[in-house]
Protein backbone atom coordinates (compact mmCIF):
# COMPACT_ATOMS: atom_id res chain seq x y z
CA MET A 1 -33.23 39.43 47.58
CA GLU A 2 -30.72 40.12 44.97
CA TYR A 3 -29.72 37.78 42.23
CA PRO A 4 -26.82 37.82 39.59
CA ARG A 5 -27.74 39.57 36.19
CA VAL A 6 -26.88 38.46 32.87
CA GLY A 7 -24.19 40.07 30.76
CA LEU A 8 -23.18 39.35 27.21
CA GLY A 9 -19.54 39.55 25.88
CA VAL A 10 -18.70 39.22 22.15
CA ILE A 11 -15.32 38.14 20.89
CA ILE A 12 -15.08 39.42 17.37
CA VAL A 13 -12.11 37.97 15.45
CA ASN A 14 -10.78 39.60 12.39
CA LYS A 15 -9.08 37.88 9.49
CA ASN A 16 -5.71 38.18 11.35
CA GLY A 17 -6.89 36.41 14.41
CA GLU A 18 -6.98 39.47 16.43
CA ILE A 19 -9.85 40.24 18.65
CA LEU A 20 -11.74 43.47 19.27
CA ILE A 21 -11.07 45.33 22.43
CA GLY A 22 -12.41 48.63 23.95
CA LYS A 23 -11.09 50.84 26.83
CA ARG A 24 -13.91 51.40 29.14
CA LYS A 25 -14.99 54.73 30.67
CA GLY A 26 -17.66 54.96 33.24
CA SER A 27 -18.74 51.51 34.32
CA HIS A 28 -15.90 49.18 35.10
CA ALA A 29 -13.34 52.04 33.84
CA PRO A 30 -10.49 52.21 33.29
CA LYS A 31 -10.38 48.63 32.31
CA TYR A 32 -10.11 46.99 28.78
CA SER A 33 -12.90 44.71 27.59
CA ILE A 34 -14.31 42.86 24.59
CA PRO A 35 -17.63 44.59 23.49
CA GLY A 36 -20.82 43.60 25.18
CA GLY A 37 -23.58 44.54 27.60
CA LYS A 38 -26.63 43.31 29.39
CA LEU A 39 -29.26 40.84 28.13
CA ASP A 40 -32.63 42.25 27.89
CA LEU A 41 -35.73 40.60 29.04
CA GLY A 42 -37.27 38.12 26.70
CA GLU A 43 -34.20 38.53 24.32
CA THR A 44 -32.05 35.58 23.08
CA PHE A 45 -28.41 35.53 23.59
CA GLU A 46 -27.74 36.01 19.81
CA HIS A 47 -30.15 38.77 19.38
CA GLY A 48 -28.74 40.53 22.39
CA ALA A 49 -25.15 40.19 20.99
CA ILE A 50 -26.37 41.64 17.54
CA ARG A 51 -28.02 44.53 19.30
CA GLU A 52 -25.12 45.36 21.68
CA ILE A 53 -22.56 45.25 19.10
CA LYS A 54 -24.60 47.44 16.77
CA GLU A 55 -25.12 49.99 19.63
CA GLU A 56 -21.45 50.03 20.61
CA THR A 57 -19.58 49.58 17.30
CA ASP A 58 -21.97 50.12 14.42
CA LEU A 59 -20.97 46.71 13.13
CA ASP A 60 -23.36 44.11 12.01
CA ILE A 61 -22.28 40.81 13.29
CA ILE A 62 -23.15 37.44 11.56
CA LYS A 63 -23.90 34.26 13.06
CA PRO A 64 -22.90 34.88 16.86
CA LYS A 65 -22.23 31.60 18.45
CA VAL A 66 -22.33 30.95 22.26
CA ILE A 67 -18.94 29.62 23.37
CA ALA A 68 -18.65 30.02 27.02
CA VAL A 69 -20.16 31.32 30.43
CA THR A 70 -18.33 33.21 33.11
CA ASN A 71 -19.09 34.01 36.71
CA ASN A 72 -17.67 37.29 37.24
CA LEU A 73 -16.65 37.38 40.92
CA GLU A 74 -13.86 39.87 40.73
CA THR A 75 -16.22 42.51 39.70
CA TYR A 76 -18.59 41.39 42.31
CA ASN A 77 -15.79 41.71 45.00
CA GLU A 78 -14.60 45.22 43.62
CA GLU A 79 -17.97 46.69 42.78
CA GLY A 80 -20.66 44.56 44.44
CA LYS A 81 -22.28 43.73 40.87
CA HIS A 82 -22.58 40.08 40.31
CA TYR A 83 -22.94 39.09 36.63
CA ILE A 84 -22.89 35.77 34.90
CA SER A 85 -21.72 36.45 31.43
CA ILE A 86 -22.61 34.50 28.11
CA VAL A 87 -19.73 34.74 25.69
CA LEU A 88 -20.34 34.58 22.14
CA LEU A 89 -17.90 34.25 19.15
CA VAL A 90 -18.11 36.13 15.82
CA THR A 91 -15.94 35.62 12.82
CA GLU A 92 -17.98 37.52 10.20
CA TYR A 93 -19.06 41.03 10.40
CA ALA A 94 -19.88 43.88 8.02
CA GLY A 95 -19.74 47.65 8.34
CA GLU A 96 -17.21 50.28 9.58
CA LEU A 97 -15.98 50.05 13.20
CA LYS A 98 -16.88 53.11 15.10
CA VAL A 99 -17.06 54.32 18.67
CA MET A 100 -20.82 54.67 18.94
CA GLU A 101 -21.10 55.40 22.88
CA PRO A 102 -18.03 57.79 23.65
CA LYS A 103 -19.15 58.25 27.30
CA LYS A 104 -18.69 54.45 27.66
CA CYS A 105 -15.78 53.55 25.43
CA GLU A 106 -12.52 55.56 24.61
CA GLY A 107 -11.92 53.57 21.50
CA TRP A 108 -11.68 50.21 19.81
CA MET A 109 -8.50 48.40 18.95
CA TRP A 110 -7.57 45.01 17.48
CA VAL A 111 -5.23 42.97 19.75
CA ASN A 112 -3.63 39.56 19.87
CA PRO A 113 -5.84 37.67 22.23
CA ARG A 114 -2.75 36.14 24.00
CA LYS A 115 -1.59 39.48 25.00
CA LEU A 116 -4.77 41.38 26.56
CA PRO A 117 -4.12 45.02 27.44
CA GLN A 118 -4.17 45.61 31.17
CA PRO A 119 -6.06 46.16 33.49
CA HIS A 120 -8.55 43.83 31.98
CA PHE A 121 -12.30 43.42 32.89
CA ASP A 122 -12.77 40.01 34.37
CA ALA A 123 -15.78 38.81 32.36
CA SER A 124 -13.68 39.61 29.33
CA SER A 125 -10.46 37.95 30.33
CA LEU A 126 -12.39 34.90 31.59
CA GLY A 127 -14.29 34.65 28.18
CA VAL A 128 -11.05 35.22 26.11
CA ALA A 129 -9.42 32.48 28.15
CA CYS A 130 -12.30 30.24 27.37
CA TYR A 131 -11.76 31.08 23.64
CA LEU A 132 -8.29 30.22 23.72
CA LYS A 133 -8.53 26.89 25.45
CA ASN A 134 -11.64 25.90 23.58
CA SER A 135 -13.26 25.42 26.92
CA PHE A 136 -16.82 26.38 28.05
CA TYR A 137 -15.95 27.64 31.48
CA GLU A 138 -12.74 28.94 33.34
CA GLY A 139 -13.06 29.16 37.14
CA ILE A 140 -11.02 31.69 39.14
CA SER A 141 -8.18 29.99 40.98
CA LYS A 142 -8.06 31.87 44.10
């Protein structure tokens, strides 16, 4: 029997209130998304977020905080992959932003969280909606 897997999404906010968004290649392409990935066995959400952000952007994030959970049914319906995502918020980071996985991401950009580029990955758009509404969960209203 198959079960949902656990994903991580990290909302990184800069000093201007913009969030970091990448354009995906490969998995879930050509959608835009906040950075993140999969939770490894035995890993905390915070350590997973730190690892994934370093792997994807070369940034060192400081004090990631869990703010939301998403149930990514749009991806399940489109791709047959069911993930529950833990969304973390980061407002402090160090380092120089880079594309560390060019086979997975075309590039990074800072955007207004109220004007997300489209098409947008459901785990990311749901996570950003939670961030903007200061809510822990946003269901799909279909």
